[in-house]
Amino acid sequence: MFAFMKKMRSLMSGDRRGVTALEYGLIAAVIGGVVITAATSFGNSLTAAYGTIGNALTTKAGGV
């Protein structure tokens, strides 16, 4: 019985590459979500700013 427990412990404490890959995948997913959220928010602000500038230029040009 002791040999079986020792063998199981050695099998479970060995290779952890799969766990590390999963952690890196989760970190990448979270960072990707943050980047997409920031880009969407910044994109909407940038669109509004260009719209305001375009309207001001059109008004100054006499509505061409």
C-alpha atoms as a PDB file:
ATOM      1  CA  MET A   1       0.000   0.000   0.000  1.00  0.00           C
ATOM      2  CA  PHE A   2       2.864   2.373   0.844  1.00  0.00           C
ATOM      3  CA  ALA A   3       4.474   1.747  -2.556  1.00  0.00           C
ATOM      4  CA  PHE A   4       1.187   2.593  -4.306  1.00  0.00           C
ATOM      5  CA  MET A   5       0.836   5.878  -2.384  1.00  0.00           C
ATOM      6  CA  LYS A   6       4.456   6.777  -3.142  1.00  0.00           C
ATOM      7  CA  LYS A   7       3.935   6.063  -6.857  1.00  0.00           C
ATOM      8  CA  MET A   8       0.738   8.173  -6.975  1.00  0.00           C
ATOM      9  CA  ARG A   9       2.451  11.071  -5.232  1.00  0.00           C
ATOM     10  CA  SER A  10       5.355  10.978  -7.671  1.00  0.00           C
ATOM     11  CA  LEU A  11       2.951  10.930 -10.631  1.00  0.00           C
ATOM     12  CA  MET A  12       0.924  13.867  -9.328  1.00  0.00           C
ATOM     13  CA  SER A  13       3.894  16.044  -8.398  1.00  0.00           C
ATOM     14  CA  GLY A  14       5.724  15.647 -11.706  1.00  0.00           C
ATOM     15  CA  ASP A  15       4.866  17.560 -14.856  1.00  0.00           C
ATOM     16  CA  ARG A  16       3.106  20.897 -14.318  1.00  0.00           C
ATOM     17  CA  ARG A  17       3.448  22.315 -17.840  1.00  0.00           C
ATOM     18  CA  GLY A  18      -0.252  21.895 -18.577  1.00  0.00           C
ATOM     19  CA  VAL A  19      -1.220  23.916 -15.517  1.00  0.00           C
ATOM     20  CA  THR A  20       1.221  26.686 -16.428  1.00  0.00           C
ATOM     21  CA  ALA A  21      -0.098  26.822 -20.013  1.00  0.00           C
ATOM     22  CA  LEU A  22      -3.638  27.111 -18.684  1.00  0.00           C
ATOM     23  CA  GLU A  23      -2.652  29.974 -16.384  1.00  0.00           C
ATOM     24  CA  TYR A  24      -0.969  31.834 -19.245  1.00  0.00           C
ATOM     25  CA  GLY A  25      -4.058  31.269 -21.383  1.00  0.00           C
ATOM     26  CA  LEU A  26      -6.324  32.752 -18.726  1.00  0.00           C
ATOM     27  CA  ILE A  27      -4.031  35.767 -18.289  1.00  0.00           C
ATOM     28  CA  ALA A  28      -3.996  36.326 -22.077  1.00  0.00           C
ATOM     29  CA  ALA A  29      -7.801  36.136 -22.192  1.00  0.00           C
ATOM     30  CA  VAL A  30      -8.184  38.718 -19.413  1.00  0.00           C
ATOM     31  CA  ILE A  31      -5.668  41.092 -21.021  1.00  0.00           C
ATOM     32  CA  GLY A  32      -7.420  40.668 -24.381  1.00  0.00           C
ATOM     33  CA  GLY A  33     -10.761  41.561 -22.817  1.00  0.00           C
ATOM     34  CA  VAL A  34      -9.290  44.684 -21.225  1.00  0.00           C
ATOM     35  CA  VAL A  35      -7.704  45.761 -24.520  1.00  0.00           C
ATOM     36  CA  ILE A  36     -10.961  45.269 -26.453  1.00  0.00           C
ATOM     37  CA  THR A  37     -12.942  47.204 -23.846  1.00  0.00           C
ATOM     38  CA  ALA A  38     -10.433  50.073 -23.837  1.00  0.00           C
ATOM     39  CA  ALA A  39     -10.274  50.216 -27.642  1.00  0.00           C
ATOM     40  CA  THR A  40     -14.057  50.321 -27.923  1.00  0.00           C
ATOM     41  CA  SER A  41     -14.347  53.092 -25.355  1.00  0.00           C
ATOM     42  CA  PHE A  42     -11.488  55.108 -26.847  1.00  0.00           C
ATOM     43  CA  GLY A  43     -12.843  54.556 -30.371  1.00  0.00           C
ATOM     44  CA  ASN A  44     -16.222  56.023 -29.441  1.00  0.00           C
ATOM     45  CA  SER A  45     -14.558  59.075 -27.882  1.00  0.00           C
ATOM     46  CA  LEU A  46     -12.345  59.535 -30.936  1.00  0.00           C
ATOM     47  CA  THR A  47     -15.329  59.301 -33.285  1.00  0.00           C
ATOM     48  CA  ALA A  48     -17.159  61.980 -31.299  1.00  0.00           C
ATOM     49  CA  ALA A  49     -14.087  64.242 -31.329  1.00  0.00           C
ATOM     50  CA  TYR A  50     -13.658  63.923 -35.110  1.00  0.00           C
ATOM     51  CA  GLY A  51     -17.371  64.618 -35.569  1.00  0.00           C
ATOM     52  CA  THR A  52     -17.088  67.814 -33.535  1.00  0.00           C
ATOM     53  CA  ILE A  53     -14.016  68.939 -35.481  1.00  0.00           C
ATOM     54  CA  GLY A  54     -15.702  68.116 -38.797  1.00  0.00           C
ATOM     55  CA  ASN A  55     -18.810  70.112 -37.869  1.00  0.00           C
ATOM     56  CA  ALA A  56     -16.687  73.078 -36.794  1.00  0.00           C
ATOM     57  CA  LEU A  57     -14.742  73.026 -40.060  1.00  0.00           C
ATOM     58  CA  THR A  58     -17.920  72.740 -42.099  1.00  0.00           C
ATOM     59  CA  THR A  59     -19.421  75.697 -40.271  1.00  0.00           C
ATOM     60  CA  LYS A  60     -16.277  77.820 -40.776  1.00  0.00           C
ATOM     61  CA  ALA A  61     -16.113  76.909 -44.462  1.00  0.00           C
ATOM     62  CA  GLY A  62     -19.662  78.155 -44.970  1.00  0.00           C
ATOM     63  CA  GLY A  63     -21.389  74.796 -45.245  1.00  0.00           C
ATOM     64  CA  VAL A  64     -19.677  73.649 -48.448  1.00  0.00           C
END
